[in-house]
Amino acid sequence: MVNEQEQYKKYIEQEGLDKLINFKEGADYKEGIFDMVRGGGAPMPPQADDLTRLHQLIRRRKFFTVLEFGVGYSTVIIADALQKNERDWQTLNPPPEVRNRFMFQLFSVDASKEWLAHVQTQLPEALKDRVHLQFSEVEIGTFNGQLCHYYKTLPDIVPDFIYLDGPSPKDVQGTIRGMSFQCDERTVMSGDLLTMEPTFLPGTYILVDGRTNNARFLQRNFKRTYEVEWDRKGDVTTFELKEERLGKYNLLGSDFFSS
């Protein structure tokens, strides 16, 4: 039986992802993306399982517009998946008209100018036009009296897929009653999606990569109806907004393709 690692390798080769990112074991990642949870100094090689799962999800659900919190290898993978979604979309005759000004576009926000600049240099030329990188500081705050943090500036979009993998706790500025996210034992606690939640469209899909404490915080405080799944082994939590569609303009990419 083919094991999981072999399946990932096969998918990566089939999709040409190995031409975008060096997945080889033993490669030197000193100039690559670092583990932003542990902070600078700890090289973090690309995780084939995480990146394969992310690419497969975007391809399977045919997402239109993606909001990414925290840049890295995932930025390249998401952009490639969106490019392939657009190619599939163009095969529809004629391509349907959808009320969305940002079709097959990725908006990535990060609190590190260094990493944004690095990712910009790593983006293949063919993907650059669909990737919008944005710097924003992150501030400590509260949600209904609960400690959390928020990016100061976010892209002005309504995504159908959100990938939550940032910020680093060390990027969160400020204190509340003596508490900060500079404390090594304090987990990240993004509140941005709680602010955005009223404007989510039915069908919105969220993937929280790791950050299980943050995912549980979101689950406790979201007001709308979601199908929530926690993959303990894969260390990811997903949310899918399960509500009746708003009308004829509330369309998803998966509506136009057979599963």
C-alpha atoms as a PDB file:
ATOM      1  CA  MET A   1       0.000   0.000   0.000  1.00  0.00           C
ATOM      2  CA  VAL A   2       1.296   3.480  -0.859  1.00  0.00           C
ATOM      3  CA  ASN A   3       2.055   5.387   2.328  1.00  0.00           C
ATOM      4  CA  GLU A   4       1.129   9.018   2.921  1.00  0.00           C
ATOM      5  CA  GLN A   5       4.595  10.382   2.200  1.00  0.00           C
ATOM      6  CA  GLU A   6       4.642   8.630  -1.159  1.00  0.00           C
ATOM      7  CA  GLN A   7       1.189  10.030  -1.931  1.00  0.00           C
ATOM      8  CA  TYR A   8       2.367  13.549  -1.125  1.00  0.00           C
ATOM      9  CA  LYS A   9       5.448  13.088  -3.280  1.00  0.00           C
ATOM     10  CA  LYS A  10       3.354  11.821  -6.180  1.00  0.00           C
ATOM     11  CA  TYR A  11       0.934  14.736  -5.929  1.00  0.00           C
ATOM     12  CA  ILE A  12       3.757  17.272  -5.701  1.00  0.00           C
ATOM     13  CA  GLU A  13       5.382  15.858  -8.833  1.00  0.00           C
ATOM     14  CA  GLN A  14       2.101  15.601 -10.742  1.00  0.00           C
ATOM     15  CA  GLU A  15       1.217  19.226  -9.989  1.00  0.00           C
ATOM     16  CA  GLY A  16       4.749  20.495 -10.617  1.00  0.00           C
ATOM     17  CA  LEU A  17       5.024  21.912  -7.100  1.00  0.00           C
ATOM     18  CA  ASP A  18       8.590  20.649  -6.842  1.00  0.00           C
ATOM     19  CA  LYS A  19       9.462  23.166  -9.552  1.00  0.00           C
ATOM     20  CA  LEU A  20       8.193  25.978  -7.306  1.00  0.00           C
ATOM     21  CA  ILE A  21       9.603  24.838  -3.949  1.00  0.00           C
ATOM     22  CA  ASN A  22      12.589  22.651  -3.038  1.00  0.00           C
ATOM     23  CA  PHE A  23      11.100  19.761  -1.038  1.00  0.00           C
ATOM     24  CA  LYS A  24      14.303  17.705  -1.031  1.00  0.00           C
ATOM     25  CA  GLU A  25      15.417  16.383   2.337  1.00  0.00           C
ATOM     26  CA  GLY A  26      18.663  17.841   3.584  1.00  0.00           C
ATOM     27  CA  ALA A  27      18.325  20.997   1.519  1.00  0.00           C
ATOM     28  CA  ASP A  28      19.725  24.191   3.022  1.00  0.00           C
ATOM     29  CA  TYR A  29      16.801  26.321   4.184  1.00  0.00           C
ATOM     30  CA  LYS A  30      18.823  29.049   5.891  1.00  0.00           C
ATOM     31  CA  GLU A  31      17.515  31.536   3.374  1.00  0.00           C
ATOM     32  CA  GLY A  32      14.013  30.117   3.475  1.00  0.00           C
ATOM     33  CA  ILE A  33      10.965  30.880   5.543  1.00  0.00           C
ATOM     34  CA  PHE A  34      11.430  30.552   9.280  1.00  0.00           C
ATOM     35  CA  ASP A  35       9.116  29.195  11.937  1.00  0.00           C
ATOM     36  CA  MET A  36       7.405  32.389  13.019  1.00  0.00           C
ATOM     37  CA  VAL A  37       5.950  30.803  16.155  1.00  0.00           C
ATOM     38  CA  ARG A  38       9.386  30.043  17.592  1.00  0.00           C
ATOM     39  CA  GLY A  39      10.727  33.263  16.176  1.00  0.00           C
ATOM     40  CA  GLY A  40      13.735  33.987  14.011  1.00  0.00           C
ATOM     41  CA  GLY A  41      16.688  31.661  13.975  1.00  0.00           C
ATOM     42  CA  ALA A  42      15.005  28.264  13.566  1.00  0.00           C
ATOM     43  CA  PRO A  43      15.022  27.149   9.913  1.00  0.00           C
ATOM     44  CA  MET A  44      11.696  25.647   8.910  1.00  0.00           C
ATOM     45  CA  PRO A  45      11.739  23.466   5.773  1.00  0.00           C
ATOM     46  CA  PRO A  46       8.578  23.181   3.665  1.00  0.00           C
ATOM     47  CA  GLN A  47       6.092  20.682   5.085  1.00  0.00           C
ATOM     48  CA  ALA A  48       4.970  18.450   2.210  1.00  0.00           C
ATOM     49  CA  ASP A  49       1.863  17.222   4.029  1.00  0.00           C
ATOM     50  CA  ASP A  50       0.602  20.691   4.985  1.00  0.00           C
ATOM     51  CA  LEU A  51       1.284  22.224   1.586  1.00  0.00           C
ATOM     52  CA  THR A  52      -0.174  19.297  -0.327  1.00  0.00           C
ATOM     53  CA  ARG A  53      -3.337  19.392   1.769  1.00  0.00           C
ATOM     54  CA  LEU A  54      -3.669  23.140   1.196  1.00  0.00           C
ATOM     55  CA  HIS A  55      -3.202  22.859  -2.569  1.00  0.00           C
ATOM     56  CA  GLN A  56      -5.645  19.955  -2.842  1.00  0.00           C
ATOM     57  CA  LEU A  57      -8.291  21.822  -0.834  1.00  0.00           C
ATOM     58  CA  ILE A  58      -8.161  24.913  -3.039  1.00  0.00           C
ATOM     59  CA  ARG A  59      -8.229  22.831  -6.198  1.00  0.00           C
ATOM     60  CA  ARG A  60     -11.078  20.620  -5.006  1.00  0.00           C
ATOM     61  CA  ARG A  61     -13.314  23.459  -3.809  1.00  0.00           C
ATOM     62  CA  LYS A  62     -12.399  25.802  -6.668  1.00  0.00           C
ATOM     63  CA  PHE A  63     -12.039  28.881  -4.460  1.00  0.00           C
ATOM     64  CA  PHE A  64     -12.129  32.309  -6.096  1.00  0.00           C
ATOM     65  CA  THR A  65     -10.511  34.697  -3.604  1.00  0.00           C
ATOM     66  CA  VAL A  66      -8.136  33.818  -0.779  1.00  0.00           C
ATOM     67  CA  LEU A  67      -7.101  35.790   2.312  1.00  0.00           C
ATOM     68  CA  GLU A  68      -3.889  34.519   3.909  1.00  0.00           C
ATOM     69  CA  PHE A  69      -2.662  35.529   7.367  1.00  0.00           C
ATOM     70  CA  GLY A  70       1.106  34.941   7.472  1.00  0.00           C
ATOM     71  CA  VAL A  71       3.227  34.546   4.337  1.00  0.00           C
ATOM     72  CA  GLY A  72       5.582  31.693   3.496  1.00  0.00           C
ATOM     73  CA  TYR A  73       5.775  28.641   1.271  1.00  0.00           C
ATOM     74  CA  SER A  74       1.986  28.563   1.490  1.00  0.00           C
ATOM     75  CA  THR A  75       1.816  31.813  -0.485  1.00  0.00           C
ATOM     76  CA  VAL A  76       3.404  30.162  -3.519  1.00  0.00           C
ATOM     77  CA  ILE A  77       1.255  27.039  -3.160  1.00  0.00           C
ATOM     78  CA  ILE A  78      -2.003  28.998  -2.867  1.00  0.00           C
ATOM     79  CA  ALA A  79      -1.145  31.159  -5.876  1.00  0.00           C
ATOM     80  CA  ASP A  80      -0.388  28.082  -7.987  1.00  0.00           C
ATOM     81  CA  ALA A  81      -3.697  26.460  -7.001  1.00  0.00           C
ATOM     82  CA  LEU A  82      -5.607  29.633  -7.886  1.00  0.00           C
ATOM     83  CA  GLN A  83      -3.851  29.836 -11.242  1.00  0.00           C
ATOM     84  CA  LYS A  84      -4.989  26.286 -12.020  1.00  0.00           C
ATOM     85  CA  ASN A  85      -8.518  27.098 -10.815  1.00  0.00           C
ATOM     86  CA  GLU A  86      -8.602  29.965 -13.284  1.00  0.00           C
ATOM     87  CA  ARG A  87      -7.459  27.685 -16.100  1.00  0.00           C
ATOM     88  CA  ASP A  88     -10.296  25.296 -15.273  1.00  0.00           C
ATOM     89  CA  TRP A  89     -12.712  28.232 -15.142  1.00  0.00           C
ATOM     90  CA  GLN A  90     -11.733  29.284 -18.641  1.00  0.00           C
ATOM     91  CA  THR A  91     -12.731  25.841 -19.948  1.00  0.00           C
ATOM     92  CA  LEU A  92     -16.371  26.565 -19.083  1.00  0.00           C
ATOM     93  CA  ASN A  93     -18.212  27.706 -22.205  1.00  0.00           C
ATOM     94  CA  PRO A  94     -18.778  30.528 -21.689  1.00  0.00           C
ATOM     95  CA  PRO A  95     -17.173  31.266 -18.284  1.00  0.00           C
ATOM     96  CA  PRO A  96     -20.026  32.319 -15.961  1.00  0.00           C
ATOM     97  CA  GLU A  97     -20.266  35.893 -14.736  1.00  0.00           C
ATOM     98  CA  VAL A  98     -19.709  36.134 -10.982  1.00  0.00           C
ATOM     99  CA  ARG A  99     -20.021  39.278  -8.874  1.00  0.00           C
ATOM    100  CA  ASN A 100     -16.422  39.263  -7.683  1.00  0.00           C
ATOM    101  CA  ARG A 101     -13.768  41.845  -8.623  1.00  0.00           C
ATOM    102  CA  PHE A 102     -10.920  39.664  -7.309  1.00  0.00           C
ATOM    103  CA  MET A 103     -11.341  36.363  -9.099  1.00  0.00           C
ATOM    104  CA  PHE A 104      -8.457  33.941  -8.512  1.00  0.00           C
ATOM    105  CA  GLN A 105      -6.511  36.463  -6.454  1.00  0.00           C
ATOM    106  CA  LEU A 106      -4.548  35.947  -3.247  1.00  0.00           C
ATOM    107  CA  PHE A 107      -4.263  38.635  -0.576  1.00  0.00           C
ATOM    108  CA  SER A 108      -1.572  37.934   2.012  1.00  0.00           C
ATOM    109  CA  VAL A 109      -0.993  40.036   5.126  1.00  0.00           C
ATOM    110  CA  ASP A 110       2.052  39.772   7.371  1.00  0.00           C
ATOM    111  CA  ALA A 111       3.640  41.730  10.210  1.00  0.00           C
ATOM    112  CA  SER A 112       7.201  41.206   8.961  1.00  0.00           C
ATOM    113  CA  LYS A 113       8.525  43.434   6.186  1.00  0.00           C
ATOM    114  CA  GLU A 114      11.518  41.100   5.973  1.00  0.00           C
ATOM    115  CA  TRP A 115       9.420  38.048   5.171  1.00  0.00           C
ATOM    116  CA  LEU A 116       7.172  39.926   2.789  1.00  0.00           C
ATOM    117  CA  ALA A 117      10.231  41.048   0.846  1.00  0.00           C
ATOM    118  CA  HIS A 118      11.642  37.527   0.881  1.00  0.00           C
ATOM    119  CA  VAL A 119       8.419  35.953  -0.376  1.00  0.00           C
ATOM    120  CA  GLN A 120       8.208  38.579  -3.113  1.00  0.00           C
ATOM    121  CA  THR A 121      11.597  37.430  -4.413  1.00  0.00           C
ATOM    122  CA  GLN A 122      10.554  33.765  -4.278  1.00  0.00           C
ATOM    123  CA  LEU A 123       7.330  34.156  -6.252  1.00  0.00           C
ATOM    124  CA  PRO A 124       7.560  32.736  -9.785  1.00  0.00           C
ATOM    125  CA  GLU A 125       7.028  35.437 -12.408  1.00  0.00           C
ATOM    126  CA  ALA A 126       3.896  33.688 -13.687  1.00  0.00           C
ATOM    127  CA  LEU A 127       2.231  33.966 -10.264  1.00  0.00           C
ATOM    128  CA  LYS A 128       3.129  37.512  -9.236  1.00  0.00           C
ATOM    129  CA  ASP A 129       0.121  39.238 -10.823  1.00  0.00           C
ATOM    130  CA  ARG A 130      -2.330  37.294  -8.677  1.00  0.00           C
ATOM    131  CA  VAL A 131      -0.541  37.797  -5.330  1.00  0.00           C
ATOM    132  CA  HIS A 132      -1.082  40.959  -3.269  1.00  0.00           C
ATOM    133  CA  LEU A 133       1.280  41.262  -0.306  1.00  0.00           C
ATOM    134  CA  GLN A 134       0.410  43.659   2.490  1.00  0.00           C
ATOM    135  CA  PHE A 135       2.310  44.717   5.598  1.00  0.00           C
ATOM    136  CA  SER A 136       0.436  45.431   8.795  1.00  0.00           C
ATOM    137  CA  GLU A 137       1.421  45.843  12.410  1.00  0.00           C
ATOM    138  CA  VAL A 138      -0.452  43.731  14.971  1.00  0.00           C
ATOM    139  CA  GLU A 139      -1.844  45.128  18.214  1.00  0.00           C
ATOM    140  CA  ILE A 140      -3.013  43.489  21.412  1.00  0.00           C
ATOM    141  CA  GLY A 141      -6.722  43.902  22.097  1.00  0.00           C
ATOM    142  CA  THR A 142      -9.812  42.226  23.472  1.00  0.00           C
ATOM    143  CA  PHE A 143     -13.002  40.657  22.180  1.00  0.00           C
ATOM    144  CA  ASN A 144     -15.854  40.792  24.691  1.00  0.00           C
ATOM    145  CA  GLY A 145     -13.261  41.258  27.425  1.00  0.00           C
ATOM    146  CA  GLN A 146     -11.103  38.346  26.223  1.00  0.00           C
ATOM    147  CA  LEU A 147      -7.432  38.820  25.396  1.00  0.00           C
ATOM    148  CA  CYS A 148      -6.597  38.596  21.684  1.00  0.00           C
ATOM    149  CA  HIS A 149      -4.884  40.594  18.932  1.00  0.00           C
ATOM    150  CA  TYR A 150      -5.706  42.268  15.630  1.00  0.00           C
ATOM    151  CA  TYR A 151      -3.897  43.334  12.480  1.00  0.00           C
ATOM    152  CA  LYS A 152      -4.193  47.124  12.160  1.00  0.00           C
ATOM    153  CA  THR A 153      -4.876  47.024   8.403  1.00  0.00           C
ATOM    154  CA  LEU A 154      -6.450  44.259   6.326  1.00  0.00           C
ATOM    155  CA  PRO A 155      -7.239  43.875   2.609  1.00  0.00           C
ATOM    156  CA  ASP A 156     -10.663  45.299   1.705  1.00  0.00           C
ATOM    157  CA  ILE A 157     -12.065  42.065   0.260  1.00  0.00           C
ATOM    158  CA  VAL A 158     -14.664  39.377   0.964  1.00  0.00           C
ATOM    159  CA  PRO A 159     -12.792  36.055   0.537  1.00  0.00           C
ATOM    160  CA  ASP A 160     -14.392  32.660   0.096  1.00  0.00           C
ATOM    161  CA  PHE A 161     -11.319  30.967   1.641  1.00  0.00           C
ATOM    162  CA  ILE A 162      -9.253  32.155   4.605  1.00  0.00           C
ATOM    163  CA  TYR A 163      -5.962  30.575   5.624  1.00  0.00           C
ATOM    164  CA  LEU A 164      -4.963  31.505   9.176  1.00  0.00           C
ATOM    165  CA  ASP A 165      -1.264  30.921   9.872  1.00  0.00           C
ATOM    166  CA  GLY A 166      -0.108  34.261  11.303  1.00  0.00           C
ATOM    167  CA  PRO A 167       1.016  36.336  13.057  1.00  0.00           C
ATOM    168  CA  SER A 168       3.881  35.277  15.277  1.00  0.00           C
ATOM    169  CA  PRO A 169       3.082  36.093  18.934  1.00  0.00           C
ATOM    170  CA  LYS A 170       6.316  38.084  19.042  1.00  0.00           C
ATOM    171  CA  ASP A 171       4.905  40.465  16.419  1.00  0.00           C
ATOM    172  CA  VAL A 172       1.986  41.500  18.645  1.00  0.00           C
ATOM    173  CA  GLN A 173       2.602  44.949  20.103  1.00  0.00           C
ATOM    174  CA  GLY A 174       1.356  46.370  23.383  1.00  0.00           C
ATOM    175  CA  THR A 175       0.156  45.217  26.774  1.00  0.00           C
ATOM    176  CA  ILE A 176      -3.156  45.009  28.594  1.00  0.00           C
ATOM    177  CA  ARG A 177      -3.031  45.115  32.393  1.00  0.00           C
ATOM    178  CA  GLY A 178       0.577  43.932  32.259  1.00  0.00           C
ATOM    179  CA  MET A 179      -0.105  41.027  29.885  1.00  0.00           C
ATOM    180  CA  SER A 180       1.533  40.714  26.472  1.00  0.00           C
ATOM    181  CA  PHE A 181       2.115  38.211  23.686  1.00  0.00           C
ATOM    182  CA  GLN A 182       5.851  38.445  24.316  1.00  0.00           C
ATOM    183  CA  CYS A 183       5.210  35.865  27.039  1.00  0.00           C
ATOM    184  CA  ASP A 184       6.637  32.596  25.657  1.00  0.00           C
ATOM    185  CA  GLU A 185       3.828  30.503  27.135  1.00  0.00           C
ATOM    186  CA  ARG A 186       0.982  32.596  25.677  1.00  0.00           C
ATOM    187  CA  THR A 187      -0.528  31.244  22.461  1.00  0.00           C
ATOM    188  CA  VAL A 188      -1.545  33.386  19.504  1.00  0.00           C
ATOM    189  CA  MET A 189      -5.176  34.550  19.650  1.00  0.00           C
ATOM    190  CA  SER A 190      -6.257  36.249  16.447  1.00  0.00           C
ATOM    191  CA  GLY A 191      -9.558  38.105  16.700  1.00  0.00           C
ATOM    192  CA  ASP A 192      -9.628  39.396  13.122  1.00  0.00           C
ATOM    193  CA  LEU A 193     -12.108  36.830  11.855  1.00  0.00           C
ATOM    194  CA  LEU A 194     -14.558  37.721  14.617  1.00  0.00           C
ATOM    195  CA  THR A 195     -14.609  41.299  13.342  1.00  0.00           C
ATOM    196  CA  MET A 196     -15.086  40.094   9.764  1.00  0.00           C
ATOM    197  CA  GLU A 197     -17.688  37.424  10.533  1.00  0.00           C
ATOM    198  CA  PRO A 198     -20.898  39.426   9.898  1.00  0.00           C
ATOM    199  CA  THR A 199     -19.873  39.960   6.268  1.00  0.00           C
ATOM    200  CA  PHE A 200     -18.850  36.367   5.506  1.00  0.00           C
ATOM    201  CA  LEU A 201     -20.900  34.892   2.691  1.00  0.00           C
ATOM    202  CA  PRO A 202     -22.518  31.468   3.149  1.00  0.00           C
ATOM    203  CA  GLY A 203     -20.035  28.826   2.048  1.00  0.00           C
ATOM    204  CA  THR A 204     -16.998  30.701   3.392  1.00  0.00           C
ATOM    205  CA  TYR A 205     -14.274  28.215   4.332  1.00  0.00           C
ATOM    206  CA  ILE A 206     -11.530  28.765   6.921  1.00  0.00           C
ATOM    207  CA  LEU A 207      -8.453  26.667   7.620  1.00  0.00           C
ATOM    208  CA  VAL A 208      -6.537  27.314  10.846  1.00  0.00           C
ATOM    209  CA  ASP A 209      -3.079  25.773  10.572  1.00  0.00           C
ATOM    210  CA  GLY A 210      -2.072  24.591  14.047  1.00  0.00           C
ATOM    211  CA  ARG A 211      -3.099  27.330  16.506  1.00  0.00           C
ATOM    212  CA  THR A 212      -5.654  25.023  18.087  1.00  0.00           C
ATOM    213  CA  ASN A 213      -6.223  27.306  21.073  1.00  0.00           C
ATOM    214  CA  ASN A 214      -7.000  30.132  18.642  1.00  0.00           C
ATOM    215  CA  ALA A 215      -9.339  27.874  16.649  1.00  0.00           C
ATOM    216  CA  ARG A 216     -11.257  27.009  19.813  1.00  0.00           C
ATOM    217  CA  PHE A 217     -11.469  30.705  20.694  1.00  0.00           C
ATOM    218  CA  LEU A 218     -13.008  31.389  17.303  1.00  0.00           C
ATOM    219  CA  GLN A 219     -15.423  28.486  17.635  1.00  0.00           C
ATOM    220  CA  ARG A 220     -16.628  29.733  21.030  1.00  0.00           C
ATOM    221  CA  ASN A 221     -17.141  33.280  19.806  1.00  0.00           C
ATOM    222  CA  PHE A 222     -18.443  32.911  16.256  1.00  0.00           C
ATOM    223  CA  LYS A 223     -22.166  33.751  16.105  1.00  0.00           C
ATOM    224  CA  ARG A 224     -23.121  31.945  12.912  1.00  0.00           C
ATOM    225  CA  THR A 225     -23.494  28.261  12.021  1.00  0.00           C
ATOM    226  CA  TYR A 226     -20.353  26.390  11.003  1.00  0.00           C
ATOM    227  CA  GLU A 227     -19.356  22.837  10.344  1.00  0.00           C
ATOM    228  CA  VAL A 228     -16.157  22.519  12.366  1.00  0.00           C
ATOM    229  CA  GLU A 229     -13.602  19.741  12.032  1.00  0.00           C
ATOM    230  CA  TRP A 230     -10.406  19.296  14.014  1.00  0.00           C
ATOM    231  CA  ASP A 231      -7.798  17.059  12.423  1.00  0.00           C
ATOM    232  CA  ARG A 232      -5.670  16.141  15.423  1.00  0.00           C
ATOM    233  CA  LYS A 233      -3.113  14.248  13.345  1.00  0.00           C
ATOM    234  CA  GLY A 234      -2.776  16.953  10.715  1.00  0.00           C
ATOM    235  CA  ASP A 235      -2.963  19.687  13.379  1.00  0.00           C
ATOM    236  CA  VAL A 236      -5.508  21.779  11.488  1.00  0.00           C
ATOM    237  CA  THR A 237      -9.023  23.017  12.207  1.00  0.00           C
ATOM    238  CA  THR A 238     -11.518  23.872   9.468  1.00  0.00           C
ATOM    239  CA  PHE A 239     -14.710  25.952   9.548  1.00  0.00           C
ATOM    240  CA  GLU A 240     -17.338  25.973   6.813  1.00  0.00           C
ATOM    241  CA  LEU A 241     -20.174  28.497   7.060  1.00  0.00           C
ATOM    242  CA  LYS A 242     -23.330  26.422   6.614  1.00  0.00           C
ATOM    243  CA  GLU A 243     -26.188  28.790   5.890  1.00  0.00           C
ATOM    244  CA  GLU A 244     -28.754  29.156   3.143  1.00  0.00           C
ATOM    245  CA  ARG A 245     -27.329  31.101   0.215  1.00  0.00           C
ATOM    246  CA  LEU A 246     -28.125  34.812   0.066  1.00  0.00           C
ATOM    247  CA  GLY A 247     -29.359  34.738  -3.519  1.00  0.00           C
ATOM    248  CA  LYS A 248     -28.280  34.336  -7.119  1.00  0.00           C
ATOM    249  CA  TYR A 249     -25.000  36.227  -6.619  1.00  0.00           C
ATOM    250  CA  ASN A 250     -23.833  34.138  -3.658  1.00  0.00           C
ATOM    251  CA  LEU A 251     -21.926  31.656  -5.831  1.00  0.00           C
ATOM    252  CA  LEU A 252     -19.051  29.311  -5.110  1.00  0.00           C
ATOM    253  CA  GLY A 253     -16.529  27.908  -7.559  1.00  0.00           C
ATOM    254  CA  SER A 254     -17.618  24.382  -6.681  1.00  0.00           C
ATOM    255  CA  ASP A 255     -21.122  25.200  -7.961  1.00  0.00           C
ATOM    256  CA  PHE A 256     -19.828  24.969 -11.544  1.00  0.00           C
ATOM    257  CA  PHE A 257     -17.850  21.721 -11.373  1.00  0.00           C
ATOM    258  CA  SER A 258     -18.945  18.178 -10.636  1.00  0.00           C
ATOM    259  CA  SER A 259     -17.223  16.678  -7.586  1.00  0.00           C
END
